[in-house]
Amino acid sequence: MKKVSSRTPREPSRSSLRDIPEVDFGRAKVRRNPYARRIAANGISVHVARGRPRKGTETGVTIPRSIRFPASVWRRLEQRARAEGVPLHRALRAAVLAWAESGQRRGSSRT
């Protein structure tokens, strides 16, 4: 078992601080948002394929939301997704995105 040290952590010595080079902010690299250029060019996209997105095609943080439909609507959605050969949630994401994009094209501000 390790002994508890009664010594408090010490600050760096003056000589070690002198050895640390100063930062030249004129040459320092700024880390850019890796998604900013793609979002500016293509707008925000949502990953609708199965599994994790490939490296470089990530969409950033996503927020889970719940949606309620009557059982009969869920059955119809599941049947249609099965017939199309796609997962149900992929079909739902595609439908929501198509609906959102159709509103942008028309310039509609209705909800």
PDB file of N, CA and C in Angstrom:
ATOM      1  N   MET A   1       0.825  -1.173   0.000  1.00  0.00           N
ATOM      2  CA  MET A   1       0.000   0.000   0.000  1.00  0.00           C
ATOM      3  C   MET A   1       0.873   1.242   0.000  1.00  0.00           C
ATOM      4  N   LYS A   2       0.481   2.241  -0.774  1.00  0.00           N
ATOM      5  CA  LYS A   2       1.260   3.454  -0.911  1.00  0.00           C
ATOM      6  C   LYS A   2       1.042   4.360   0.297  1.00  0.00           C
ATOM      7  N   LYS A   3       2.140   4.957   0.774  1.00  0.00           N
ATOM      8  CA  LYS A   3       2.038   5.881   1.887  1.00  0.00           C
ATOM      9  C   LYS A   3       1.441   7.208   1.430  1.00  0.00           C
ATOM     10  N   VAL A   4       0.688   7.811   2.314  1.00  0.00           N
ATOM     11  CA  VAL A   4       0.130   9.122   2.022  1.00  0.00           C
ATOM     12  C   VAL A   4       1.206  10.156   2.267  1.00  0.00           C
ATOM     13  N   SER A   5       1.444  10.999   1.288  1.00  0.00           N
ATOM     14  CA  SER A   5       2.478  12.014   1.417  1.00  0.00           C
ATOM     15  C   SER A   5       1.904  13.238   2.115  1.00  0.00           C
ATOM     16  N   SER A   6       2.671  13.757   3.046  1.00  0.00           N
ATOM     17  CA  SER A   6       2.220  14.963   3.739  1.00  0.00           C
ATOM     18  C   SER A   6       2.656  16.214   2.998  1.00  0.00           C
ATOM     19  N   ARG A   7       3.467  16.030   1.976  1.00  0.00           N
ATOM     20  CA  ARG A   7       3.955  17.175   1.216  1.00  0.00           C
ATOM     21  C   ARG A   7       2.875  17.673   0.262  1.00  0.00           C
ATOM     22  N   THR A   8       2.740  18.945   0.179  1.00  0.00           N
ATOM     23  CA  THR A   8       1.793  19.530  -0.771  1.00  0.00           C
ATOM     24  C   THR A   8       2.487  19.658  -2.119  1.00  0.00           C
ATOM     25  N   PRO A   9       1.743  19.569  -3.198  1.00  0.00           N
ATOM     26  CA  PRO A   9       2.377  19.719  -4.512  1.00  0.00           C
ATOM     27  C   PRO A   9       3.053  21.080  -4.629  1.00  0.00           C
ATOM     28  N   ARG A  10       4.254  21.081  -5.192  1.00  0.00           N
ATOM     29  CA  ARG A  10       5.013  22.326  -5.317  1.00  0.00           C
ATOM     30  C   ARG A  10       4.795  22.932  -6.691  1.00  0.00           C
ATOM     31  N   GLU A  11       4.932  24.222  -6.729  1.00  0.00           N
ATOM     32  CA  GLU A  11       4.869  24.952  -7.993  1.00  0.00           C
ATOM     33  C   GLU A  11       6.184  24.731  -8.737  1.00  0.00           C
ATOM     34  N   PRO A  12       6.196  24.954 -10.058  1.00  0.00           N
ATOM     35  CA  PRO A  12       7.457  24.814 -10.805  1.00  0.00           C
ATOM     36  C   PRO A  12       8.478  25.858 -10.325  1.00  0.00           C
ATOM     37  N   SER A  13       9.727  25.466 -10.370  1.00  0.00           N
ATOM     38  CA  SER A  13      10.785  26.381  -9.939  1.00  0.00           C
ATOM     39  C   SER A  13      10.979  27.482 -10.979  1.00  0.00           C
ATOM     40  N   ARG A  14      11.635  28.560 -10.558  1.00  0.00           N
ATOM     41  CA  ARG A  14      11.902  29.673 -11.489  1.00  0.00           C
ATOM     42  C   ARG A  14      12.781  29.218 -12.648  1.00  0.00           C
ATOM     43  N   SER A  15      13.748  28.370 -12.368  1.00  0.00           N
ATOM     44  CA  SER A  15      14.648  27.934 -13.437  1.00  0.00           C
ATOM     45  C   SER A  15      13.903  27.066 -14.454  1.00  0.00           C
ATOM     46  N   SER A  16      12.963  26.214 -13.991  1.00  0.00           N
ATOM     47  CA  SER A  16      12.216  25.400 -14.950  1.00  0.00           C
ATOM     48  C   SER A  16      11.255  26.265 -15.767  1.00  0.00           C
ATOM     49  N   LEU A  17      10.721  27.306 -15.149  1.00  0.00           N
ATOM     50  CA  LEU A  17       9.845  28.219 -15.900  1.00  0.00           C
ATOM     51  C   LEU A  17      10.628  28.998 -16.949  1.00  0.00           C
ATOM     52  N   ARG A  18      11.879  29.340 -16.638  1.00  0.00           N
ATOM     53  CA  ARG A  18      12.712  30.047 -17.625  1.00  0.00           C
ATOM     54  C   ARG A  18      13.014  29.146 -18.819  1.00  0.00           C
ATOM     55  N   ASP A  19      13.095  27.832 -18.594  1.00  0.00           N
ATOM     56  CA  ASP A  19      13.409  26.893 -19.668  1.00  0.00           C
ATOM     57  C   ASP A  19      12.241  26.686 -20.634  1.00  0.00           C
ATOM     58  N   ILE A  20      11.044  27.014 -20.211  1.00  0.00           N
ATOM     59  CA  ILE A  20       9.869  26.839 -21.076  1.00  0.00           C
ATOM     60  C   ILE A  20       9.840  27.987 -22.080  1.00  0.00           C
ATOM     61  N   PRO A  21       9.813  27.684 -23.381  1.00  0.00           N
ATOM     62  CA  PRO A  21       9.804  28.770 -24.362  1.00  0.00           C
ATOM     63  C   PRO A  21       8.457  29.512 -24.361  1.00  0.00           C
ATOM     64  N   GLU A  22       8.511  30.787 -24.689  1.00  0.00           N
ATOM     65  CA  GLU A  22       7.281  31.562 -24.786  1.00  0.00           C
ATOM     66  C   GLU A  22       6.541  31.174 -26.056  1.00  0.00           C
ATOM     67  N   VAL A  23       5.242  31.326 -26.027  1.00  0.00           N
ATOM     68  CA  VAL A  23       4.413  30.980 -27.177  1.00  0.00           C
ATOM     69  C   VAL A  23       4.372  32.174 -28.117  1.00  0.00           C
ATOM     70  N   ASP A  24       4.640  31.905 -29.394  1.00  0.00           N
ATOM     71  CA  ASP A  24       4.526  32.943 -30.423  1.00  0.00           C
ATOM     72  C   ASP A  24       3.140  32.815 -31.039  1.00  0.00           C
ATOM     73  N   PHE A  25       2.210  33.660 -30.617  1.00  0.00           N
ATOM     74  CA  PHE A  25       0.832  33.548 -31.090  1.00  0.00           C
ATOM     75  C   PHE A  25       0.697  33.924 -32.567  1.00  0.00           C
ATOM     76  N   GLY A  26       1.695  34.563 -33.126  1.00  0.00           N
ATOM     77  CA  GLY A  26       1.685  34.856 -34.562  1.00  0.00           C
ATOM     78  C   GLY A  26       1.898  33.605 -35.406  1.00  0.00           C
ATOM     79  N   ARG A  27       2.564  32.609 -34.831  1.00  0.00           N
ATOM     80  CA  ARG A  27       2.829  31.371 -35.560  1.00  0.00           C
ATOM     81  C   ARG A  27       1.995  30.199 -35.073  1.00  0.00           C
ATOM     82  N   ALA A  28       1.271  30.377 -33.997  1.00  0.00           N
ATOM     83  CA  ALA A  28       0.494  29.273 -33.428  1.00  0.00           C
ATOM     84  C   ALA A  28      -0.606  28.849 -34.389  1.00  0.00           C
ATOM     85  N   LYS A  29      -0.858  27.559 -34.442  1.00  0.00           N
ATOM     86  CA  LYS A  29      -1.910  27.036 -35.310  1.00  0.00           C
ATOM     87  C   LYS A  29      -3.249  27.075 -34.587  1.00  0.00           C
ATOM     88  N   VAL A  30      -4.260  27.504 -35.300  1.00  0.00           N
ATOM     89  CA  VAL A  30      -5.609  27.520 -34.755  1.00  0.00           C
ATOM     90  C   VAL A  30      -6.308  26.264 -35.238  1.00  0.00           C
ATOM     91  N   ARG A  31      -6.909  25.544 -34.303  1.00  0.00           N
ATOM     92  CA  ARG A  31      -7.621  24.323 -34.682  1.00  0.00           C
ATOM     93  C   ARG A  31      -9.019  24.713 -35.138  1.00  0.00           C
ATOM     94  N   ARG A  32      -9.306  24.472 -36.370  1.00  0.00           N
ATOM     95  CA  ARG A  32     -10.608  24.794 -36.932  1.00  0.00           C
ATOM     96  C   ARG A  32     -11.601  23.668 -36.677  1.00  0.00           C
ATOM     97  N   ASN A  33     -12.873  23.999 -36.759  1.00  0.00           N
ATOM     98  CA  ASN A  33     -13.923  22.994 -36.648  1.00  0.00           C
ATOM     99  C   ASN A  33     -13.830  22.090 -37.873  1.00  0.00           C
ATOM    100  N   PRO A  34     -13.659  20.772 -37.693  1.00  0.00           N
ATOM    101  CA  PRO A  34     -13.489  19.889 -38.848  1.00  0.00           C
ATOM    102  C   PRO A  34     -14.749  19.792 -39.714  1.00  0.00           C
ATOM    103  N   TYR A  35     -15.890  20.206 -39.196  1.00  0.00           N
ATOM    104  CA  TYR A  35     -17.136  20.099 -39.948  1.00  0.00           C
ATOM    105  C   TYR A  35     -17.534  21.411 -40.628  1.00  0.00           C
ATOM    106  N   ALA A  36     -16.895  22.521 -40.279  1.00  0.00           N
ATOM    107  CA  ALA A  36     -17.342  23.839 -40.713  1.00  0.00           C
ATOM    108  C   ALA A  36     -17.334  23.998 -42.239  1.00  0.00           C
ATOM    109  N   ARG A  37     -16.265  23.569 -42.898  1.00  0.00           N
ATOM    110  CA  ARG A  37     -16.170  23.747 -44.351  1.00  0.00           C
ATOM    111  C   ARG A  37     -17.251  22.942 -45.074  1.00  0.00           C
ATOM    112  N   ARG A  38     -17.464  21.688 -44.633  1.00  0.00           N
ATOM    113  CA  ARG A  38     -18.474  20.854 -45.280  1.00  0.00           C
ATOM    114  C   ARG A  38     -19.883  21.401 -45.030  1.00  0.00           C
ATOM    115  N   ILE A  39     -20.144  21.888 -43.820  1.00  0.00           N
ATOM    116  CA  ILE A  39     -21.458  22.447 -43.519  1.00  0.00           C
ATOM    117  C   ILE A  39     -21.698  23.703 -44.343  1.00  0.00           C
ATOM    118  N   ALA A  40     -20.678  24.542 -44.499  1.00  0.00           N
ATOM    119  CA  ALA A  40     -20.826  25.758 -45.299  1.00  0.00           C
ATOM    120  C   ALA A  40     -21.103  25.422 -46.760  1.00  0.00           C
ATOM    121  N   ALA A  41     -20.491  24.367 -47.271  1.00  0.00           N
ATOM    122  CA  ALA A  41     -20.673  24.006 -48.678  1.00  0.00           C
ATOM    123  C   ALA A  41     -21.977  23.249 -48.921  1.00  0.00           C
ATOM    124  N   ASN A  42     -22.300  22.298 -48.047  1.00  0.00           N
ATOM    125  CA  ASN A  42     -23.430  21.399 -48.304  1.00  0.00           C
ATOM    126  C   ASN A  42     -24.603  21.590 -47.368  1.00  0.00           C
ATOM    127  N   GLY A  43     -24.446  22.388 -46.346  1.00  0.00           N
ATOM    128  CA  GLY A  43     -25.481  22.481 -45.333  1.00  0.00           C
ATOM    129  C   GLY A  43     -25.345  21.321 -44.368  1.00  0.00           C
ATOM    130  N   ILE A  44     -26.199  21.274 -43.389  1.00  0.00           N
ATOM    131  CA  ILE A  44     -26.138  20.219 -42.386  1.00  0.00           C
ATOM    132  C   ILE A  44     -26.703  18.935 -42.967  1.00  0.00           C
ATOM    133  N   SER A  45     -26.005  17.845 -42.748  1.00  0.00           N
ATOM    134  CA  SER A  45     -26.467  16.554 -43.241  1.00  0.00           C
ATOM    135  C   SER A  45     -26.674  15.618 -42.059  1.00  0.00           C
ATOM    136  N   VAL A  46     -27.432  14.584 -42.284  1.00  0.00           N
ATOM    137  CA  VAL A  46     -27.695  13.586 -41.258  1.00  0.00           C
ATOM    138  C   VAL A  46     -27.304  12.231 -41.818  1.00  0.00           C
ATOM    139  N   HIS A  47     -26.603  11.464 -41.024  1.00  0.00           N
ATOM    140  CA  HIS A  47     -26.186  10.117 -41.430  1.00  0.00           C
ATOM    141  C   HIS A  47     -27.405   9.208 -41.390  1.00  0.00           C
ATOM    142  N   VAL A  48     -27.800   8.681 -42.541  1.00  0.00           N
ATOM    143  CA  VAL A  48     -28.986   7.834 -42.595  1.00  0.00           C
ATOM    144  C   VAL A  48     -28.666   6.382 -42.906  1.00  0.00           C
ATOM    145  N   ALA A  49     -27.412   6.059 -43.136  1.00  0.00           N
ATOM    146  CA  ALA A  49     -27.041   4.677 -43.425  1.00  0.00           C
ATOM    147  C   ALA A  49     -26.879   3.894 -42.129  1.00  0.00           C
ATOM    148  N   ARG A  50     -26.825   2.599 -42.249  1.00  0.00           N
ATOM    149  CA  ARG A  50     -26.651   1.730 -41.093  1.00  0.00           C
ATOM    150  C   ARG A  50     -25.230   1.846 -40.563  1.00  0.00           C
ATOM    151  N   GLY A  51     -25.083   1.796 -39.240  1.00  0.00           N
ATOM    152  CA  GLY A  51     -23.767   1.765 -38.617  1.00  0.00           C
ATOM    153  C   GLY A  51     -23.155   3.140 -38.445  1.00  0.00           C
ATOM    154  N   ARG A  52     -21.896   3.128 -38.018  1.00  0.00           N
ATOM    155  CA  ARG A  52     -21.182   4.378 -37.787  1.00  0.00           C
ATOM    156  C   ARG A  52     -20.772   5.000 -39.113  1.00  0.00           C
ATOM    157  N   PRO A  53     -20.743   6.320 -39.192  1.00  0.00           N
ATOM    158  CA  PRO A  53     -20.297   6.971 -40.433  1.00  0.00           C
ATOM    159  C   PRO A  53     -18.794   6.773 -40.640  1.00  0.00           C
ATOM    160  N   ARG A  54     -18.367   6.824 -41.892  1.00  0.00           N
ATOM    161  CA  ARG A  54     -16.944   6.733 -42.199  1.00  0.00           C
ATOM    162  C   ARG A  54     -16.227   7.948 -41.651  1.00  0.00           C
ATOM    163  N   LYS A  55     -14.929   7.783 -41.419  1.00  0.00           N
ATOM    164  CA  LYS A  55     -14.128   8.888 -40.912  1.00  0.00           C
ATOM    165  C   LYS A  55     -14.164  10.040 -41.919  1.00  0.00           C
ATOM    166  N   GLY A  56     -14.410  11.234 -41.436  1.00  0.00           N
ATOM    167  CA  GLY A  56     -14.493  12.405 -42.307  1.00  0.00           C
ATOM    168  C   GLY A  56     -15.902  12.720 -42.755  1.00  0.00           C
ATOM    169  N   THR A  57     -16.843  11.814 -42.524  1.00  0.00           N
ATOM    170  CA  THR A  57     -18.227  12.077 -42.924  1.00  0.00           C
ATOM    171  C   THR A  57     -19.141  12.202 -41.713  1.00  0.00           C
ATOM    172  N   GLU A  58     -18.545  12.379 -40.528  1.00  0.00           N
ATOM    173  CA  GLU A  58     -19.348  12.493 -39.325  1.00  0.00           C
ATOM    174  C   GLU A  58     -20.197  13.756 -39.387  1.00  0.00           C
ATOM    175  N   THR A  59     -21.333  13.713 -38.737  1.00  0.00           N
ATOM    176  CA  THR A  59     -22.227  14.865 -38.752  1.00  0.00           C
ATOM    177  C   THR A  59     -22.136  15.684 -37.485  1.00  0.00           C
ATOM    178  N   GLY A  60     -21.325  15.255 -36.549  1.00  0.00           N
ATOM    179  CA  GLY A  60     -21.236  15.978 -35.293  1.00  0.00           C
ATOM    180  C   GLY A  60     -22.208  15.390 -34.286  1.00  0.00           C
ATOM    181  N   VAL A  61     -22.513  16.155 -33.277  1.00  0.00           N
ATOM    182  CA  VAL A  61     -23.363  15.687 -32.191  1.00  0.00           C
ATOM    183  C   VAL A  61     -24.806  15.580 -32.670  1.00  0.00           C
ATOM    184  N   THR A  62     -25.489  14.507 -32.294  1.00  0.00           N
ATOM    185  CA  THR A  62     -26.905  14.353 -32.594  1.00  0.00           C
ATOM    186  C   THR A  62     -27.681  14.278 -31.290  1.00  0.00           C
ATOM    187  N   ILE A  63     -28.937  14.661 -31.330  1.00  0.00           N
ATOM    188  CA  ILE A  63     -29.778  14.687 -30.141  1.00  0.00           C
ATOM    189  C   ILE A  63     -30.905  13.684 -30.316  1.00  0.00           C
ATOM    190  N   PRO A  64     -31.029  12.726 -29.406  1.00  0.00           N
ATOM    191  CA  PRO A  64     -32.131  11.766 -29.528  1.00  0.00           C
ATOM    192  C   PRO A  64     -33.462  12.429 -29.176  1.00  0.00           C
ATOM    193  N   ARG A  65     -34.477  12.126 -29.948  1.00  0.00           N
ATOM    194  CA  ARG A  65     -35.831  12.628 -29.703  1.00  0.00           C
ATOM    195  C   ARG A  65     -36.791  11.454 -29.825  1.00  0.00           C
ATOM    196  N   SER A  66     -37.916  11.557 -29.174  1.00  0.00           N
ATOM    197  CA  SER A  66     -38.911  10.498 -29.316  1.00  0.00           C
ATOM    198  C   SER A  66     -40.086  11.031 -30.125  1.00  0.00           C
ATOM    199  N   ILE A  67     -40.770  10.130 -30.758  1.00  0.00           N
ATOM    200  CA  ILE A  67     -41.933  10.497 -31.576  1.00  0.00           C
ATOM    201  C   ILE A  67     -43.029   9.480 -31.292  1.00  0.00           C
ATOM    202  N   ARG A  68     -44.233   9.952 -31.176  1.00  0.00           N
ATOM    203  CA  ARG A  68     -45.358   9.070 -30.861  1.00  0.00           C
ATOM    204  C   ARG A  68     -46.302   8.987 -32.052  1.00  0.00           C
ATOM    205  N   PHE A  69     -46.638   7.752 -32.408  1.00  0.00           N
ATOM    206  CA  PHE A  69     -47.643   7.468 -33.432  1.00  0.00           C
ATOM    207  C   PHE A  69     -48.579   6.412 -32.872  1.00  0.00           C
ATOM    208  N   PRO A  70     -49.802   6.359 -33.351  1.00  0.00           N
ATOM    209  CA  PRO A  70     -50.669   5.240 -32.972  1.00  0.00           C
ATOM    210  C   PRO A  70     -50.060   3.919 -33.464  1.00  0.00           C
ATOM    211  N   ALA A  71     -50.434   2.837 -32.831  1.00  0.00           N
ATOM    212  CA  ALA A  71     -49.885   1.520 -33.176  1.00  0.00           C
ATOM    213  C   ALA A  71     -50.120   1.180 -34.645  1.00  0.00           C
ATOM    214  N   SER A  72     -51.283   1.581 -35.185  1.00  0.00           N
ATOM    215  CA  SER A  72     -51.575   1.272 -36.591  1.00  0.00           C
ATOM    216  C   SER A  72     -50.598   1.993 -37.529  1.00  0.00           C
ATOM    217  N   VAL A  73     -50.203   3.214 -37.189  1.00  0.00           N
ATOM    218  CA  VAL A  73     -49.237   3.960 -38.019  1.00  0.00           C
ATOM    219  C   VAL A  73     -47.873   3.293 -37.939  1.00  0.00           C
ATOM    220  N   TRP A  74     -47.450   2.886 -36.726  1.00  0.00           N
ATOM    221  CA  TRP A  74     -46.168   2.198 -36.599  1.00  0.00           C
ATOM    222  C   TRP A  74     -46.146   0.919 -37.425  1.00  0.00           C
ATOM    223  N   ARG A  75     -47.247   0.169 -37.422  1.00  0.00           N
ATOM    224  CA  ARG A  75     -47.302  -1.074 -38.228  1.00  0.00           C
ATOM    225  C   ARG A  75     -47.139  -0.755 -39.712  1.00  0.00           C
ATOM    226  N   ARG A  76     -47.823   0.284 -40.179  1.00  0.00           N
ATOM    227  CA  ARG A  76     -47.700   0.656 -41.601  1.00  0.00           C
ATOM    228  C   ARG A  76     -46.286   1.089 -41.937  1.00  0.00           C
ATOM    229  N   LEU A  77     -45.677   1.867 -41.047  1.00  0.00           N
ATOM    230  CA  LEU A  77     -44.297   2.311 -41.272  1.00  0.00           C
ATOM    231  C   LEU A  77     -43.334   1.128 -41.289  1.00  0.00           C
ATOM    232  N   GLU A  78     -43.495   0.209 -40.360  1.00  0.00           N
ATOM    233  CA  GLU A  78     -42.630  -0.968 -40.318  1.00  0.00           C
ATOM    234  C   GLU A  78     -42.782  -1.826 -41.566  1.00  0.00           C
ATOM    235  N   GLN A  79     -44.031  -1.998 -42.032  1.00  0.00           N
ATOM    236  CA  GLN A  79     -44.264  -2.784 -43.245  1.00  0.00           C
ATOM    237  C   GLN A  79     -43.612  -2.127 -44.458  1.00  0.00           C
ATOM    238  N   ARG A  80     -43.759  -0.818 -44.560  1.00  0.00           N
ATOM    239  CA  ARG A  80     -43.172  -0.101 -45.709  1.00  0.00           C
ATOM    240  C   ARG A  80     -41.651  -0.164 -45.664  1.00  0.00           C
ATOM    241  N   ALA A  81     -41.064   0.032 -44.491  1.00  0.00           N
ATOM    242  CA  ALA A  81     -39.606  -0.035 -44.360  1.00  0.00           C
ATOM    243  C   ALA A  81     -39.103  -1.439 -44.692  1.00  0.00           C
ATOM    244  N   ARG A  82     -39.809  -2.467 -44.219  1.00  0.00           N
ATOM    245  CA  ARG A  82     -39.425  -3.845 -44.519  1.00  0.00           C
ATOM    246  C   ARG A  82     -39.510  -4.100 -46.017  1.00  0.00           C
ATOM    247  N   ALA A  83     -40.567  -3.603 -46.661  1.00  0.00           N
ATOM    248  CA  ALA A  83     -40.728  -3.786 -48.108  1.00  0.00           C
ATOM    249  C   ALA A  83     -39.615  -3.073 -48.886  1.00  0.00           C
ATOM    250  N   GLU A  84     -39.174  -1.924 -48.380  1.00  0.00           N
ATOM    251  CA  GLU A  84     -38.092  -1.173 -49.043  1.00  0.00           C
ATOM    252  C   GLU A  84     -36.714  -1.749 -48.708  1.00  0.00           C
ATOM    253  N   GLY A  85     -36.655  -2.598 -47.674  1.00  0.00           N
ATOM    254  CA  GLY A  85     -35.382  -3.195 -47.280  1.00  0.00           C
ATOM    255  C   GLY A  85     -34.493  -2.245 -46.499  1.00  0.00           C
ATOM    256  N   VAL A  86     -35.090  -1.316 -45.753  1.00  0.00           N
ATOM    257  CA  VAL A  86     -34.316  -0.361 -44.962  1.00  0.00           C
ATOM    258  C   VAL A  86     -34.787  -0.419 -43.509  1.00  0.00           C
ATOM    259  N   PRO A  87     -33.920  -0.073 -42.571  1.00  0.00           N
ATOM    260  CA  PRO A  87     -34.355   0.002 -41.176  1.00  0.00           C
ATOM    261  C   PRO A  87     -35.408   1.094 -40.998  1.00  0.00           C
ATOM    262  N   LEU A  88     -36.286   0.892 -40.062  1.00  0.00           N
ATOM    263  CA  LEU A  88     -37.375   1.838 -39.825  1.00  0.00           C
ATOM    264  C   LEU A  88     -36.852   3.233 -39.497  1.00  0.00           C
ATOM    265  N   HIS A  89     -35.851   3.337 -38.653  1.00  0.00           N
ATOM    266  CA  HIS A  89     -35.360   4.653 -38.258  1.00  0.00           C
ATOM    267  C   HIS A  89     -34.668   5.370 -39.408  1.00  0.00           C
ATOM    268  N   ARG A  90     -34.059   4.622 -40.305  1.00  0.00           N
ATOM    269  CA  ARG A  90     -33.471   5.251 -41.491  1.00  0.00           C
ATOM    270  C   ARG A  90     -34.579   5.846 -42.352  1.00  0.00           C
ATOM    271  N   ALA A  91     -35.675   5.116 -42.511  1.00  0.00           N
ATOM    272  CA  ALA A  91     -36.811   5.622 -43.291  1.00  0.00           C
ATOM    273  C   ALA A  91     -37.402   6.864 -42.637  1.00  0.00           C
ATOM    274  N   LEU A  92     -37.509   6.867 -41.316  1.00  0.00           N
ATOM    275  CA  LEU A  92     -38.039   8.032 -40.610  1.00  0.00           C
ATOM    276  C   LEU A  92     -37.131   9.246 -40.789  1.00  0.00           C
ATOM    277  N   ARG A  93     -35.809   9.052 -40.651  1.00  0.00           N
ATOM    278  CA  ARG A  93     -34.879  10.173 -40.844  1.00  0.00           C
ATOM    279  C   ARG A  93     -34.980  10.726 -42.259  1.00  0.00           C
ATOM    280  N   ALA A  94     -35.052   9.840 -43.247  1.00  0.00           N
ATOM    281  CA  ALA A  94     -35.150  10.284 -44.638  1.00  0.00           C
ATOM    282  C   ALA A  94     -36.440  11.069 -44.868  1.00  0.00           C
ATOM    283  N   ALA A  95     -37.545  10.617 -44.276  1.00  0.00           N
ATOM    284  CA  ALA A  95     -38.821  11.309 -44.433  1.00  0.00           C
ATOM    285  C   ALA A  95     -38.789  12.694 -43.792  1.00  0.00           C
ATOM    286  N   VAL A  96     -38.218  12.773 -42.609  1.00  0.00           N
ATOM    287  CA  VAL A  96     -38.135  14.071 -41.922  1.00  0.00           C
ATOM    288  C   VAL A  96     -37.256  15.035 -42.707  1.00  0.00           C
ATOM    289  N   LEU A  97     -36.121  14.553 -43.208  1.00  0.00           N
ATOM    290  CA  LEU A  97     -35.236  15.427 -43.981  1.00  0.00           C
ATOM    291  C   LEU A  97     -35.893  15.879 -45.281  1.00  0.00           C
ATOM    292  N   ALA A  98     -36.585  14.986 -45.958  1.00  0.00           N
ATOM    293  CA  ALA A  98     -37.277  15.360 -47.198  1.00  0.00           C
ATOM    294  C   ALA A  98     -38.335  16.417 -46.914  1.00  0.00           C
ATOM    295  N   TRP A  99     -39.053  16.265 -45.821  1.00  0.00           N
ATOM    296  CA  TRP A  99     -40.070  17.236 -45.451  1.00  0.00           C
ATOM    297  C   TRP A  99     -39.435  18.585 -45.125  1.00  0.00           C
ATOM    298  N   ALA A 100     -38.325  18.583 -44.361  1.00  0.00           N
ATOM    299  CA  ALA A 100     -37.656  19.825 -43.991  1.00  0.00           C
ATOM    300  C   ALA A 100     -37.095  20.532 -45.222  1.00  0.00           C
ATOM    301  N   GLU A 101     -36.504  19.771 -46.148  1.00  0.00           N
ATOM    302  CA  GLU A 101     -35.938  20.372 -47.354  1.00  0.00           C
ATOM    303  C   GLU A 101     -37.017  20.904 -48.279  1.00  0.00           C
ATOM    304  N   SER A 102     -38.169  20.268 -48.338  1.00  0.00           N
ATOM    305  CA  SER A 102     -39.238  20.773 -49.206  1.00  0.00           C
ATOM    306  C   SER A 102     -39.745  22.111 -48.682  1.00  0.00           C
ATOM    307  N   GLY A 103     -39.740  22.329 -47.388  1.00  0.00           N
ATOM    308  CA  GLY A 103     -40.140  23.609 -46.815  1.00  0.00           C
ATOM    309  C   GLY A 103     -39.134  24.700 -47.116  1.00  0.00           C
ATOM    310  N   GLN A 104     -37.845  24.366 -47.164  1.00  0.00           N
ATOM    311  CA  GLN A 104     -36.810  25.347 -47.481  1.00  0.00           C
ATOM    312  C   GLN A 104     -36.912  25.783 -48.934  1.00  0.00           C
ATOM    313  N   ARG A 105     -37.212  24.855 -49.815  1.00  0.00           N
ATOM    314  CA  ARG A 105     -37.295  25.194 -51.238  1.00  0.00           C
ATOM    315  C   ARG A 105     -38.463  26.127 -51.515  1.00  0.00           C
ATOM    316  N   ARG A 106     -39.571  25.923 -50.819  1.00  0.00           N
ATOM    317  CA  ARG A 106     -40.752  26.746 -51.042  1.00  0.00           C
ATOM    318  C   ARG A 106     -40.676  28.059 -50.289  1.00  0.00           C
ATOM    319  N   GLY A 107     -39.730  28.127 -49.324  1.00  0.00           N
ATOM    320  CA  GLY A 107     -39.628  29.336 -48.536  1.00  0.00           C
ATOM    321  C   GLY A 107     -40.758  29.469 -47.543  1.00  0.00           C
ATOM    322  N   SER A 108     -41.376  28.341 -47.206  1.00  0.00           N
ATOM    323  CA  SER A 108     -42.501  28.353 -46.290  1.00  0.00           C
ATOM    324  C   SER A 108     -42.020  28.553 -44.866  1.00  0.00           C
ATOM    325  N   SER A 109     -42.731  29.364 -44.124  1.00  0.00           N
ATOM    326  CA  SER A 109     -42.400  29.546 -42.708  1.00  0.00           C
ATOM    327  C   SER A 109     -43.513  28.981 -41.833  1.00  0.00           C
ATOM    328  N   ARG A 110     -44.413  28.212 -42.441  1.00  0.00           N
ATOM    329  CA  ARG A 110     -45.484  27.593 -41.654  1.00  0.00           C
ATOM    330  C   ARG A 110     -44.935  26.466 -40.831  1.00  0.00           C
ATOM    331  N   THR A 111     -45.609  26.158 -39.713  1.00  0.00           N
ATOM    332  CA  THR A 111     -45.210  25.016 -38.887  1.00  0.00           C
ATOM    333  C   THR A 111     -46.273  23.975 -38.899  1.00  0.00           C
TER     334      THR A 111
END
